[in-house]
């Protein structure tokens, strides 16, 4: 997408962009890793692992521990997050209106699993906004590799340069940049300088997203 060109496809990350699950996820992941003998707090989990597939984060911890973690840890973590969110759904304020105001088609491309995406977005009342939901489990490499975003654009038949990515993690921003896609970074929880340093134009309120996109 060049300056002044409307995106044909807007690709949204899920956690932290569409739904406010990051605090839940970071807290539960920290608790589970600590219980497995890897002491860590939620803030450190967010700093190190935000935006990355959980299985890749688990492998990193396993390397540090020198042993395998339980095979079902990722599935148990996902279930905990889903159950906590469904009990108290929290879509990002203004995201439905912002998404509907954007030009082009809309999809989701997330490091989370397919069942997670379906349940969480349904609970938040946002699933109807998107024609497809893509998970990092469909590709060989998760963010910050470009694979997931390139997979989404290819499956929907839109050239990478005609896509726009909405992200909230440096790993996701780097993935979009590596895919050759313009990217905007939602800085409500993530430091603006971290997103900008990874290559995003930043914004801190969903109400500002349509105007930002119009100025790209």
N, C-alpha and C. Protein backbone atom coordinates (compact mmCIF):
# COMPACT_ATOMS: atom_id res chain seq x y z
N UNK A 1 0.86 -1.20 0.00
CA UNK A 1 0.00 0.00 0.00
C UNK A 1 0.89 1.24 0.00
N UNK A 2 0.70 2.11 -0.98
CA UNK A 2 1.46 3.34 -1.05
C UNK A 2 0.68 4.48 -0.42
N UNK A 3 1.34 5.61 -0.19
CA UNK A 3 0.66 6.75 0.44
C UNK A 3 -0.59 7.13 -0.34
N UNK A 4 -1.71 7.28 0.39
CA UNK A 4 -2.95 7.70 -0.21
C UNK A 4 -3.77 6.57 -0.80
N UNK A 5 -3.28 5.32 -0.74
CA UNK A 5 -4.01 4.19 -1.29
C UNK A 5 -4.81 3.50 -0.18
N UNK A 6 -6.06 3.26 -0.42
CA UNK A 6 -6.90 2.62 0.59
C UNK A 6 -6.54 1.14 0.68
N UNK A 7 -6.43 0.60 1.90
CA UNK A 7 -6.13 -0.83 2.02
C UNK A 7 -7.29 -1.68 1.53
N UNK A 8 -6.97 -2.76 0.84
CA UNK A 8 -8.00 -3.71 0.41
C UNK A 8 -8.34 -4.69 1.53
N UNK A 9 -7.39 -4.93 2.42
CA UNK A 9 -7.58 -5.89 3.51
C UNK A 9 -6.94 -5.33 4.77
N UNK A 10 -7.71 -5.24 5.84
CA UNK A 10 -7.18 -4.84 7.14
C UNK A 10 -7.07 -6.09 8.00
N UNK A 11 -5.87 -6.38 8.48
CA UNK A 11 -5.59 -7.58 9.26
C UNK A 11 -5.39 -7.18 10.72
N UNK A 12 -6.26 -7.66 11.58
CA UNK A 12 -6.20 -7.34 13.00
C UNK A 12 -5.55 -8.46 13.80
N UNK A 13 -4.65 -8.10 14.68
CA UNK A 13 -4.27 -9.00 15.75
C UNK A 13 -5.49 -9.14 16.66
N UNK A 14 -5.47 -10.13 17.55
CA UNK A 14 -6.62 -10.33 18.44
C UNK A 14 -6.36 -9.78 19.85
N UNK A 15 -5.50 -10.47 20.60
CA UNK A 15 -5.30 -10.12 22.01
C UNK A 15 -4.64 -8.75 22.15
N UNK A 16 -5.30 -7.86 22.87
CA UNK A 16 -4.78 -6.52 23.07
C UNK A 16 -5.22 -5.53 22.02
N UNK A 17 -5.72 -6.01 20.88
CA UNK A 17 -6.22 -5.14 19.81
C UNK A 17 -7.74 -5.20 19.74
N UNK A 18 -8.28 -6.41 19.76
CA UNK A 18 -9.73 -6.59 19.71
C UNK A 18 -10.32 -6.85 21.10
N UNK A 19 -9.59 -7.60 21.91
CA UNK A 19 -10.07 -7.98 23.23
C UNK A 19 -8.99 -7.72 24.27
N UNK A 20 -9.43 -7.33 25.45
CA UNK A 20 -8.50 -6.98 26.53
C UNK A 20 -8.16 -8.23 27.35
N UNK A 21 -7.42 -9.13 26.73
CA UNK A 21 -7.05 -10.39 27.38
C UNK A 21 -5.62 -10.42 27.89
N UNK A 22 -4.80 -9.43 27.53
CA UNK A 22 -3.39 -9.49 27.90
C UNK A 22 -3.17 -9.63 29.41
N UNK A 23 -3.85 -8.84 30.26
CA UNK A 23 -3.62 -9.01 31.71
C UNK A 23 -3.98 -10.41 32.19
N UNK A 24 -5.07 -10.98 31.68
CA UNK A 24 -5.48 -12.33 32.05
C UNK A 24 -4.41 -13.33 31.61
N UNK A 25 -4.02 -13.24 30.36
CA UNK A 25 -3.06 -14.20 29.80
C UNK A 25 -1.72 -14.13 30.51
N UNK A 26 -1.23 -12.92 30.73
CA UNK A 26 0.08 -12.78 31.36
C UNK A 26 0.08 -13.31 32.79
N UNK A 27 -1.01 -13.05 33.51
CA UNK A 27 -1.10 -13.52 34.90
C UNK A 27 -1.14 -15.05 34.97
N UNK A 28 -1.97 -15.66 34.14
CA UNK A 28 -2.08 -17.12 34.18
C UNK A 28 -0.81 -17.80 33.68
N UNK A 29 -0.20 -17.26 32.64
CA UNK A 29 1.05 -17.85 32.13
C UNK A 29 2.14 -17.75 33.19
N UNK A 30 2.24 -16.60 33.85
CA UNK A 30 3.24 -16.44 34.91
C UNK A 30 3.01 -17.43 36.04
N UNK A 31 1.75 -17.60 36.44
CA UNK A 31 1.43 -18.54 37.52
C UNK A 31 1.80 -19.97 37.14
N UNK A 32 1.51 -20.35 35.91
CA UNK A 32 1.77 -21.73 35.49
C UNK A 32 3.25 -22.00 35.34
N UNK A 33 4.00 -21.04 34.80
CA UNK A 33 5.44 -21.22 34.67
C UNK A 33 6.11 -21.26 36.04
N UNK A 34 5.66 -20.41 36.94
CA UNK A 34 6.22 -20.40 38.29
C UNK A 34 5.97 -21.73 38.98
N UNK A 35 4.79 -22.28 38.80
CA UNK A 35 4.46 -23.57 39.40
C UNK A 35 5.32 -24.70 38.83
N UNK A 36 5.83 -24.50 37.62
CA UNK A 36 6.68 -25.51 36.99
C UNK A 36 8.16 -25.29 37.32
N UNK A 37 8.46 -24.38 38.24
CA UNK A 37 9.85 -24.16 38.64
C UNK A 37 10.58 -23.10 37.85
N UNK A 38 9.81 -22.24 37.17
CA UNK A 38 10.42 -21.14 36.42
C UNK A 38 9.80 -19.84 36.93
N UNK A 39 10.32 -19.29 38.04
CA UNK A 39 9.70 -18.11 38.65
C UNK A 39 9.71 -16.91 37.70
N UNK A 40 8.52 -16.32 37.51
CA UNK A 40 8.38 -15.18 36.61
C UNK A 40 7.10 -14.45 36.98
N UNK A 41 7.07 -13.14 36.77
CA UNK A 41 5.85 -12.39 37.07
C UNK A 41 5.17 -11.97 35.77
N UNK A 42 3.94 -11.46 35.91
CA UNK A 42 3.14 -11.13 34.73
C UNK A 42 3.79 -10.04 33.87
N UNK A 43 4.42 -9.06 34.51
CA UNK A 43 5.05 -7.98 33.75
C UNK A 43 6.19 -8.51 32.88
N UNK A 44 6.94 -9.47 33.41
CA UNK A 44 8.05 -10.04 32.64
C UNK A 44 7.54 -10.92 31.51
N UNK A 45 6.45 -11.66 31.78
CA UNK A 45 5.83 -12.45 30.72
C UNK A 45 5.43 -11.54 29.57
N UNK A 46 4.81 -10.41 29.88
CA UNK A 46 4.38 -9.48 28.83
C UNK A 46 5.58 -8.95 28.05
N UNK A 47 6.63 -8.57 28.77
CA UNK A 47 7.81 -8.00 28.11
C UNK A 47 8.48 -9.00 27.19
N UNK A 48 8.57 -10.25 27.61
CA UNK A 48 9.33 -11.25 26.85
C UNK A 48 8.52 -11.98 25.79
N UNK A 49 7.25 -12.23 26.08
CA UNK A 49 6.50 -13.16 25.25
C UNK A 49 5.31 -12.55 24.51
N UNK A 50 4.99 -11.30 24.77
CA UNK A 50 3.81 -10.69 24.16
C UNK A 50 3.85 -10.77 22.64
N UNK A 51 2.76 -11.24 22.06
CA UNK A 51 2.63 -11.29 20.61
C UNK A 51 3.18 -12.54 19.97
N UNK A 52 3.87 -13.37 20.74
CA UNK A 52 4.48 -14.58 20.19
C UNK A 52 3.60 -15.79 20.46
N UNK A 53 3.67 -16.83 19.62
CA UNK A 53 2.91 -18.05 19.90
C UNK A 53 3.35 -18.67 21.22
N UNK A 54 2.40 -19.17 22.00
CA UNK A 54 2.72 -19.72 23.31
C UNK A 54 3.68 -20.91 23.20
N UNK A 55 3.51 -21.74 22.17
CA UNK A 55 4.39 -22.91 22.07
C UNK A 55 5.84 -22.50 21.87
N UNK A 56 6.09 -21.38 21.19
CA UNK A 56 7.46 -20.91 21.04
C UNK A 56 8.00 -20.37 22.36
N UNK A 57 7.16 -19.69 23.12
CA UNK A 57 7.57 -19.21 24.43
C UNK A 57 7.87 -20.38 25.36
N UNK A 58 7.05 -21.42 25.28
CA UNK A 58 7.27 -22.62 26.10
C UNK A 58 8.61 -23.26 25.75
N UNK A 59 8.93 -23.34 24.46
CA UNK A 59 10.22 -23.92 24.07
C UNK A 59 11.38 -23.13 24.64
N UNK A 60 11.26 -21.80 24.67
CA UNK A 60 12.31 -20.96 25.24
C UNK A 60 12.50 -21.26 26.73
N UNK A 61 11.39 -21.42 27.44
CA UNK A 61 11.47 -21.74 28.87
C UNK A 61 12.06 -23.14 29.06
N UNK A 62 11.68 -24.08 28.23
CA UNK A 62 12.21 -25.43 28.34
C UNK A 62 13.73 -25.45 28.14
N UNK A 63 14.20 -24.64 27.21
CA UNK A 63 15.65 -24.57 27.00
C UNK A 63 16.35 -24.02 28.24
N UNK A 64 15.74 -23.01 28.88
CA UNK A 64 16.33 -22.44 30.08
C UNK A 64 16.31 -23.43 31.25
N UNK A 65 15.23 -24.22 31.35
CA UNK A 65 15.11 -25.19 32.43
C UNK A 65 15.92 -26.46 32.16
N UNK A 66 16.16 -26.74 30.90
CA UNK A 66 16.86 -27.97 30.55
C UNK A 66 15.98 -29.20 30.62
N UNK A 67 14.67 -29.00 30.55
CA UNK A 67 13.74 -30.12 30.58
C UNK A 67 12.42 -29.69 29.93
N UNK A 68 11.61 -30.69 29.61
CA UNK A 68 10.33 -30.41 28.99
C UNK A 68 9.29 -29.99 30.02
N UNK A 69 8.41 -29.11 29.63
CA UNK A 69 7.23 -28.76 30.43
C UNK A 69 6.10 -29.72 30.06
N UNK A 70 5.05 -29.81 30.87
CA UNK A 70 3.94 -30.71 30.54
C UNK A 70 3.40 -30.46 29.13
N UNK A 71 3.12 -31.54 28.43
CA UNK A 71 2.69 -31.42 27.04
C UNK A 71 1.38 -30.66 26.89
N UNK A 72 0.57 -30.67 27.94
CA UNK A 72 -0.73 -30.01 27.85
C UNK A 72 -0.74 -28.59 28.42
N UNK A 73 0.44 -28.04 28.70
CA UNK A 73 0.49 -26.72 29.34
C UNK A 73 -0.16 -25.65 28.46
N UNK A 74 0.15 -25.64 27.18
CA UNK A 74 -0.41 -24.62 26.29
C UNK A 74 -1.94 -24.74 26.22
N UNK A 75 -2.44 -25.96 26.12
CA UNK A 75 -3.89 -26.16 26.06
C UNK A 75 -4.56 -25.74 27.36
N UNK A 76 -3.94 -26.04 28.49
CA UNK A 76 -4.52 -25.65 29.78
C UNK A 76 -4.50 -24.14 29.95
N UNK A 77 -3.43 -23.50 29.50
CA UNK A 77 -3.36 -22.04 29.57
C UNK A 77 -4.45 -21.41 28.72
N UNK A 78 -4.61 -21.88 27.51
CA UNK A 78 -5.63 -21.35 26.61
C UNK A 78 -7.02 -21.48 27.23
N UNK A 79 -7.29 -22.65 27.84
CA UNK A 79 -8.59 -22.87 28.46
C UNK A 79 -8.83 -21.92 29.62
N UNK A 80 -7.82 -21.68 30.42
CA UNK A 80 -7.94 -20.76 31.55
C UNK A 80 -8.29 -19.35 31.06
N UNK A 81 -7.60 -18.91 30.02
CA UNK A 81 -7.84 -17.56 29.50
C UNK A 81 -9.25 -17.45 28.93
N UNK A 82 -9.66 -18.45 28.14
CA UNK A 82 -11.00 -18.43 27.56
C UNK A 82 -12.06 -18.36 28.66
N UNK A 83 -11.93 -19.23 29.66
CA UNK A 83 -12.94 -19.29 30.72
C UNK A 83 -13.02 -17.97 31.48
N UNK A 84 -11.86 -17.37 31.77
CA UNK A 84 -11.84 -16.10 32.49
C UNK A 84 -12.45 -14.99 31.66
N UNK A 85 -12.15 -14.99 30.34
CA UNK A 85 -12.67 -13.92 29.49
C UNK A 85 -14.17 -14.08 29.25
N UNK A 86 -14.61 -15.29 29.00
CA UNK A 86 -16.04 -15.53 28.76
C UNK A 86 -16.86 -15.12 29.98
N UNK A 87 -16.30 -15.32 31.17
CA UNK A 87 -17.01 -14.93 32.40
C UNK A 87 -17.12 -13.42 32.54
N UNK A 88 -16.21 -12.69 31.89
CA UNK A 88 -16.22 -11.22 31.99
C UNK A 88 -15.65 -10.64 30.69
N UNK A 89 -16.42 -10.69 29.59
CA UNK A 89 -15.90 -10.26 28.28
C UNK A 89 -15.56 -8.77 28.26
N UNK A 90 -14.40 -8.47 27.70
CA UNK A 90 -13.96 -7.08 27.62
C UNK A 90 -13.38 -6.77 26.25
N UNK A 91 -14.24 -6.45 25.29
CA UNK A 91 -13.70 -5.97 24.01
C UNK A 91 -13.00 -4.64 24.22
N UNK A 92 -12.00 -4.37 23.40
CA UNK A 92 -11.31 -3.08 23.46
C UNK A 92 -12.32 -1.98 23.15
N UNK A 93 -12.32 -0.95 23.97
CA UNK A 93 -13.30 0.13 23.83
C UNK A 93 -13.21 0.77 22.44
N UNK A 94 -14.36 0.81 21.76
CA UNK A 94 -14.45 1.48 20.46
C UNK A 94 -13.97 0.68 19.28
N UNK A 95 -13.57 -0.59 19.49
CA UNK A 95 -12.97 -1.33 18.38
C UNK A 95 -13.99 -1.71 17.31
N UNK A 96 -15.22 -2.03 17.70
CA UNK A 96 -16.23 -2.36 16.68
C UNK A 96 -16.47 -1.18 15.76
N UNK A 97 -16.68 -0.01 16.32
CA UNK A 97 -16.95 1.18 15.51
C UNK A 97 -15.75 1.52 14.63
N UNK A 98 -14.54 1.38 15.19
CA UNK A 98 -13.34 1.70 14.43
C UNK A 98 -13.18 0.74 13.25
N UNK A 99 -13.38 -0.55 13.50
CA UNK A 99 -13.24 -1.54 12.43
C UNK A 99 -14.26 -1.30 11.32
N UNK A 100 -15.48 -1.00 11.70
CA UNK A 100 -16.52 -0.80 10.71
C UNK A 100 -16.29 0.47 9.88
N UNK A 101 -15.54 1.41 10.43
CA UNK A 101 -15.28 2.66 9.72
C UNK A 101 -14.11 2.56 8.74
N UNK A 102 -13.38 1.45 8.78
CA UNK A 102 -12.22 1.30 7.92
C UNK A 102 -12.61 0.81 6.54
N UNK A 103 -11.86 1.20 5.51
CA UNK A 103 -12.12 0.68 4.17
C UNK A 103 -11.63 -0.75 4.05
N UNK A 104 -12.12 -1.46 3.07
CA UNK A 104 -11.60 -2.78 2.76
C UNK A 104 -12.21 -3.90 3.58
N UNK A 105 -11.74 -5.10 3.28
CA UNK A 105 -12.17 -6.31 3.98
C UNK A 105 -11.42 -6.43 5.31
N UNK A 106 -11.91 -7.32 6.16
CA UNK A 106 -11.30 -7.45 7.49
C UNK A 106 -11.10 -8.92 7.83
N UNK A 107 -9.94 -9.22 8.44
CA UNK A 107 -9.69 -10.56 8.96
C UNK A 107 -8.86 -10.45 10.23
N UNK A 108 -8.70 -11.57 10.91
CA UNK A 108 -7.88 -11.64 12.11
C UNK A 108 -6.70 -12.57 11.83
N UNK A 109 -5.51 -12.20 12.30
CA UNK A 109 -4.33 -13.07 12.22
C UNK A 109 -3.63 -12.99 13.58
N UNK A 110 -3.69 -14.09 14.32
CA UNK A 110 -3.28 -14.07 15.72
C UNK A 110 -2.37 -15.24 16.06
N UNK A 111 -1.56 -15.05 17.10
CA UNK A 111 -0.73 -16.14 17.61
C UNK A 111 -1.55 -17.15 18.39
N UNK A 112 -2.78 -16.82 18.74
CA UNK A 112 -3.64 -17.73 19.50
C UNK A 112 -4.22 -18.81 18.60
N UNK A 113 -4.74 -19.87 19.24
CA UNK A 113 -5.28 -21.00 18.50
C UNK A 113 -6.64 -20.74 17.89
N UNK A 114 -7.06 -21.55 16.93
CA UNK A 114 -8.34 -21.34 16.24
C UNK A 114 -9.55 -21.39 17.16
N UNK A 115 -9.62 -22.38 18.05
CA UNK A 115 -10.76 -22.49 18.96
C UNK A 115 -10.80 -21.30 19.91
N UNK A 116 -9.64 -20.88 20.36
CA UNK A 116 -9.55 -19.71 21.23
C UNK A 116 -10.13 -18.49 20.52
N UNK A 117 -9.72 -18.27 19.28
CA UNK A 117 -10.20 -17.10 18.54
C UNK A 117 -11.71 -17.13 18.39
N UNK A 118 -12.25 -18.28 18.05
CA UNK A 118 -13.70 -18.38 17.86
C UNK A 118 -14.44 -18.07 19.17
N UNK A 119 -14.00 -18.67 20.27
CA UNK A 119 -14.72 -18.50 21.54
C UNK A 119 -14.58 -17.09 22.10
N UNK A 120 -13.37 -16.56 22.07
CA UNK A 120 -13.14 -15.24 22.66
C UNK A 120 -13.83 -14.15 21.86
N UNK A 121 -13.72 -14.20 20.54
CA UNK A 121 -14.34 -13.15 19.73
C UNK A 121 -15.86 -13.26 19.75
N UNK A 122 -16.38 -14.48 19.85
CA UNK A 122 -17.83 -14.63 20.00
C UNK A 122 -18.30 -14.05 21.33
N UNK A 123 -17.56 -14.33 22.39
CA UNK A 123 -17.93 -13.81 23.71
C UNK A 123 -17.90 -12.29 23.73
N UNK A 124 -16.97 -11.71 22.98
CA UNK A 124 -16.84 -10.25 22.92
C UNK A 124 -17.84 -9.61 21.97
N UNK A 125 -18.57 -10.41 21.21
CA UNK A 125 -19.51 -9.88 20.24
C UNK A 125 -18.86 -9.27 19.02
N UNK A 126 -17.67 -9.79 18.64
CA UNK A 126 -16.91 -9.21 17.54
C UNK A 126 -16.72 -10.16 16.36
N UNK A 127 -17.10 -11.42 16.51
CA UNK A 127 -16.79 -12.41 15.48
C UNK A 127 -17.39 -12.06 14.13
N UNK A 128 -18.54 -11.41 14.11
CA UNK A 128 -19.21 -11.10 12.86
C UNK A 128 -18.49 -10.05 12.03
N UNK A 129 -17.51 -9.38 12.60
CA UNK A 129 -16.81 -8.32 11.89
C UNK A 129 -15.83 -8.86 10.84
N UNK A 130 -15.45 -10.14 10.94
CA UNK A 130 -14.31 -10.65 10.17
C UNK A 130 -14.72 -11.82 9.29
N UNK A 131 -14.21 -11.80 8.04
CA UNK A 131 -14.55 -12.89 7.14
C UNK A 131 -13.73 -14.14 7.41
N UNK A 132 -12.55 -14.00 7.98
CA UNK A 132 -11.74 -15.17 8.32
C UNK A 132 -10.92 -14.88 9.58
N UNK A 133 -10.58 -15.94 10.30
CA UNK A 133 -9.67 -15.86 11.44
C UNK A 133 -8.52 -16.82 11.18
N UNK A 134 -7.31 -16.31 11.18
CA UNK A 134 -6.12 -17.11 10.90
C UNK A 134 -5.29 -17.24 12.18
N UNK A 135 -4.80 -18.45 12.42
CA UNK A 135 -3.99 -18.72 13.61
C UNK A 135 -2.56 -19.05 13.21
N UNK A 136 -1.61 -18.70 14.09
CA UNK A 136 -0.21 -19.02 13.83
C UNK A 136 0.03 -20.52 13.74
N UNK A 137 -0.92 -21.32 14.21
CA UNK A 137 -0.78 -22.77 14.11
C UNK A 137 -0.92 -23.27 12.68
N UNK A 138 -1.33 -22.37 11.78
CA UNK A 138 -1.47 -22.73 10.37
C UNK A 138 -0.18 -22.55 9.59
N UNK A 139 0.86 -21.99 10.22
CA UNK A 139 2.11 -21.69 9.50
C UNK A 139 3.30 -22.26 10.25
N UNK A 140 4.44 -22.30 9.57
CA UNK A 140 5.64 -22.89 10.16
C UNK A 140 6.24 -22.04 11.27
N UNK A 141 6.18 -20.73 11.09
CA UNK A 141 6.81 -19.82 12.06
C UNK A 141 5.82 -18.75 12.49
N UNK A 142 5.79 -18.49 13.79
CA UNK A 142 4.94 -17.43 14.31
C UNK A 142 5.62 -16.08 14.27
N UNK A 143 4.90 -15.07 14.72
CA UNK A 143 5.47 -13.72 14.82
C UNK A 143 6.70 -13.78 15.74
N UNK A 144 7.78 -13.07 15.42
CA UNK A 144 7.92 -11.97 14.46
C UNK A 144 8.22 -12.36 13.02
N UNK A 145 8.19 -13.64 12.68
CA UNK A 145 8.32 -14.03 11.28
C UNK A 145 7.08 -13.55 10.51
N UNK A 146 7.21 -13.33 9.21
CA UNK A 146 6.08 -12.78 8.43
C UNK A 146 5.07 -13.82 7.99
N UNK A 147 5.30 -15.10 8.29
CA UNK A 147 4.52 -16.19 7.71
C UNK A 147 3.01 -16.04 7.86
N UNK A 148 2.55 -15.69 9.06
CA UNK A 148 1.11 -15.64 9.31
C UNK A 148 0.43 -14.56 8.48
N UNK A 149 1.03 -13.39 8.42
CA UNK A 149 0.42 -12.31 7.64
C UNK A 149 0.45 -12.62 6.14
N UNK A 150 1.53 -13.21 5.67
CA UNK A 150 1.59 -13.60 4.26
C UNK A 150 0.58 -14.71 3.95
N UNK A 151 0.39 -15.61 4.89
CA UNK A 151 -0.61 -16.67 4.74
C UNK A 151 -2.01 -16.07 4.61
N UNK A 152 -2.33 -15.11 5.48
CA UNK A 152 -3.65 -14.48 5.44
C UNK A 152 -3.88 -13.74 4.12
N UNK A 153 -2.90 -12.99 3.69
CA UNK A 153 -3.07 -12.23 2.44
C UNK A 153 -3.19 -13.16 1.24
N UNK A 154 -2.42 -14.25 1.25
CA UNK A 154 -2.49 -15.19 0.14
C UNK A 154 -3.84 -15.91 0.10
N UNK A 155 -4.32 -16.34 1.25
CA UNK A 155 -5.59 -17.06 1.29
C UNK A 155 -6.77 -16.17 0.87
N UNK A 156 -6.66 -14.88 1.14
CA UNK A 156 -7.74 -13.96 0.78
C UNK A 156 -7.49 -13.25 -0.55
N UNK A 157 -6.37 -13.56 -1.18
CA UNK A 157 -6.11 -13.06 -2.53
C UNK A 157 -5.81 -11.58 -2.61
N UNK A 158 -5.12 -11.04 -1.60
CA UNK A 158 -4.77 -9.62 -1.60
C UNK A 158 -3.25 -9.49 -1.49
N UNK A 159 -2.66 -8.70 -2.35
CA UNK A 159 -1.21 -8.51 -2.31
C UNK A 159 -0.78 -7.89 -0.99
N UNK A 160 0.38 -8.29 -0.46
CA UNK A 160 0.82 -7.76 0.84
C UNK A 160 0.82 -6.24 0.93
N UNK A 161 1.25 -5.58 -0.14
CA UNK A 161 1.34 -4.13 -0.10
C UNK A 161 -0.04 -3.46 -0.09
N UNK A 162 -1.09 -4.23 -0.37
CA UNK A 162 -2.45 -3.68 -0.34
C UNK A 162 -3.16 -4.03 0.98
N UNK A 163 -2.41 -4.59 1.92
CA UNK A 163 -2.94 -4.92 3.24
C UNK A 163 -2.50 -3.86 4.25
N UNK A 164 -3.21 -3.81 5.36
CA UNK A 164 -2.83 -2.99 6.50
C UNK A 164 -2.98 -3.84 7.75
N UNK A 165 -1.98 -3.82 8.62
CA UNK A 165 -2.00 -4.62 9.85
C UNK A 165 -2.21 -3.71 11.04
N UNK A 166 -3.06 -4.15 11.98
CA UNK A 166 -3.27 -3.45 13.24
C UNK A 166 -2.74 -4.35 14.35
N UNK A 167 -1.69 -3.90 15.02
CA UNK A 167 -0.98 -4.72 16.01
C UNK A 167 -0.81 -3.95 17.32
N UNK A 168 -0.42 -4.69 18.37
CA UNK A 168 -0.11 -4.02 19.64
C UNK A 168 1.17 -4.55 20.27
N UNK A 169 1.91 -5.39 19.55
CA UNK A 169 3.16 -5.91 20.10
C UNK A 169 4.31 -5.64 19.13
N UNK A 170 5.52 -5.41 19.64
CA UNK A 170 6.67 -5.25 18.75
C UNK A 170 6.89 -6.47 17.85
N UNK A 171 6.65 -7.67 18.39
CA UNK A 171 6.81 -8.88 17.57
C UNK A 171 5.85 -8.86 16.39
N UNK A 172 4.60 -8.46 16.63
CA UNK A 172 3.63 -8.38 15.56
C UNK A 172 3.95 -7.31 14.54
N UNK A 173 4.43 -6.18 15.02
CA UNK A 173 4.82 -5.09 14.11
C UNK A 173 5.98 -5.54 13.21
N UNK A 174 6.96 -6.21 13.81
CA UNK A 174 8.09 -6.69 13.02
C UNK A 174 7.64 -7.72 11.99
N UNK A 175 6.68 -8.54 12.36
CA UNK A 175 6.15 -9.54 11.42
C UNK A 175 5.50 -8.86 10.22
N UNK A 176 4.69 -7.84 10.49
CA UNK A 176 4.03 -7.13 9.41
C UNK A 176 5.04 -6.43 8.50
N UNK A 177 6.03 -5.79 9.11
CA UNK A 177 7.06 -5.10 8.33
C UNK A 177 7.83 -6.09 7.46
N UNK A 178 8.13 -7.27 8.01
CA UNK A 178 8.85 -8.29 7.25
C UNK A 178 8.01 -8.83 6.10
N UNK A 179 6.67 -8.76 6.27
CA UNK A 179 5.77 -9.20 5.21
C UNK A 179 5.57 -8.13 4.14
N UNK A 180 6.14 -6.96 4.33
CA UNK A 180 5.97 -5.87 3.38
C UNK A 180 4.65 -5.17 3.49
N UNK A 181 4.05 -5.22 4.68
CA UNK A 181 2.74 -4.61 4.91
C UNK A 181 2.87 -3.39 5.81
N UNK A 182 2.20 -2.30 5.48
CA UNK A 182 2.15 -1.17 6.41
C UNK A 182 1.45 -1.60 7.68
N UNK A 183 1.85 -1.01 8.80
CA UNK A 183 1.33 -1.46 10.09
C UNK A 183 1.14 -0.28 11.02
N UNK A 184 0.04 -0.31 11.77
CA UNK A 184 -0.21 0.69 12.81
C UNK A 184 -0.20 -0.03 14.16
N UNK A 185 0.30 0.65 15.18
CA UNK A 185 0.49 0.04 16.49
C UNK A 185 -0.38 0.67 17.55
N UNK A 186 -1.20 -0.14 18.19
CA UNK A 186 -2.10 0.32 19.26
C UNK A 186 -1.30 0.35 20.56
N UNK A 187 -1.11 1.55 21.09
CA UNK A 187 -0.18 1.77 22.20
C UNK A 187 -0.87 1.99 23.53
N UNK A 188 -2.04 1.39 23.73
CA UNK A 188 -2.74 1.57 25.00
C UNK A 188 -1.98 0.91 26.15
N UNK A 189 -1.42 -0.28 25.91
CA UNK A 189 -0.67 -0.99 26.95
C UNK A 189 0.82 -1.11 26.63
N UNK A 190 1.15 -1.09 25.36
CA UNK A 190 2.54 -1.24 24.94
C UNK A 190 3.19 0.13 24.78
N UNK A 191 4.42 0.32 25.26
CA UNK A 191 5.07 1.62 25.09
C UNK A 191 5.11 2.05 23.63
N UNK A 192 4.72 3.27 23.38
CA UNK A 192 4.66 3.79 22.02
C UNK A 192 6.01 3.69 21.32
N UNK A 193 7.10 3.96 22.07
CA UNK A 193 8.42 3.93 21.45
C UNK A 193 8.81 2.52 21.00
N UNK A 194 8.31 1.50 21.71
CA UNK A 194 8.62 0.13 21.31
C UNK A 194 7.94 -0.22 19.99
N UNK A 195 6.70 0.21 19.82
CA UNK A 195 5.97 -0.04 18.58
C UNK A 195 6.54 0.77 17.43
N UNK A 196 6.82 2.04 17.70
CA UNK A 196 7.39 2.90 16.65
C UNK A 196 8.77 2.40 16.24
N UNK A 197 9.56 1.96 17.22
CA UNK A 197 10.88 1.45 16.93
C UNK A 197 10.87 0.20 16.07
N UNK A 198 9.77 -0.57 16.17
CA UNK A 198 9.64 -1.78 15.36
C UNK A 198 9.10 -1.48 13.97
N UNK A 199 8.60 -0.25 13.76
CA UNK A 199 8.17 0.14 12.42
C UNK A 199 6.72 0.55 12.27
N UNK A 200 6.01 0.80 13.38
CA UNK A 200 4.59 1.14 13.29
C UNK A 200 4.35 2.63 13.44
N UNK A 201 3.28 3.10 12.82
CA UNK A 201 2.72 4.39 13.17
C UNK A 201 1.74 4.13 14.31
N UNK A 202 1.84 4.89 15.37
CA UNK A 202 1.14 4.53 16.60
C UNK A 202 -0.10 5.38 16.85
N UNK A 203 -1.01 4.79 17.66
CA UNK A 203 -2.20 5.49 18.14
C UNK A 203 -2.55 4.88 19.49
N UNK A 204 -3.28 5.61 20.33
CA UNK A 204 -3.54 5.11 21.68
C UNK A 204 -5.03 5.01 22.02
N UNK A 205 -5.90 5.24 21.04
CA UNK A 205 -7.34 5.09 21.25
C UNK A 205 -7.96 4.60 19.95
N UNK A 206 -8.84 3.61 20.03
CA UNK A 206 -9.43 3.05 18.82
C UNK A 206 -10.21 4.08 18.02
N UNK A 207 -10.76 5.07 18.70
CA UNK A 207 -11.50 6.11 17.99
C UNK A 207 -10.61 6.86 16.99
N UNK A 208 -9.30 6.83 17.22
CA UNK A 208 -8.37 7.54 16.35
C UNK A 208 -7.93 6.70 15.14
N UNK A 209 -8.26 5.42 15.14
CA UNK A 209 -7.75 4.54 14.08
C UNK A 209 -8.24 4.92 12.69
N UNK A 210 -9.53 5.15 12.46
CA UNK A 210 -9.95 5.46 11.08
C UNK A 210 -9.25 6.70 10.50
N UNK A 211 -9.08 7.73 11.30
CA UNK A 211 -8.41 8.93 10.80
C UNK A 211 -6.94 8.65 10.50
N UNK A 212 -6.30 7.86 11.37
CA UNK A 212 -4.90 7.50 11.13
C UNK A 212 -4.76 6.74 9.81
N UNK A 213 -5.64 5.79 9.57
CA UNK A 213 -5.59 5.02 8.34
C UNK A 213 -5.84 5.91 7.13
N UNK A 214 -6.73 6.86 7.25
CA UNK A 214 -7.02 7.76 6.14
C UNK A 214 -5.83 8.61 5.77
N UNK A 215 -4.92 8.82 6.74
CA UNK A 215 -3.75 9.67 6.49
C UNK A 215 -2.51 8.89 6.05
N UNK A 216 -2.60 7.56 5.97
CA UNK A 216 -1.44 6.75 5.58
C UNK A 216 -1.05 6.98 4.13
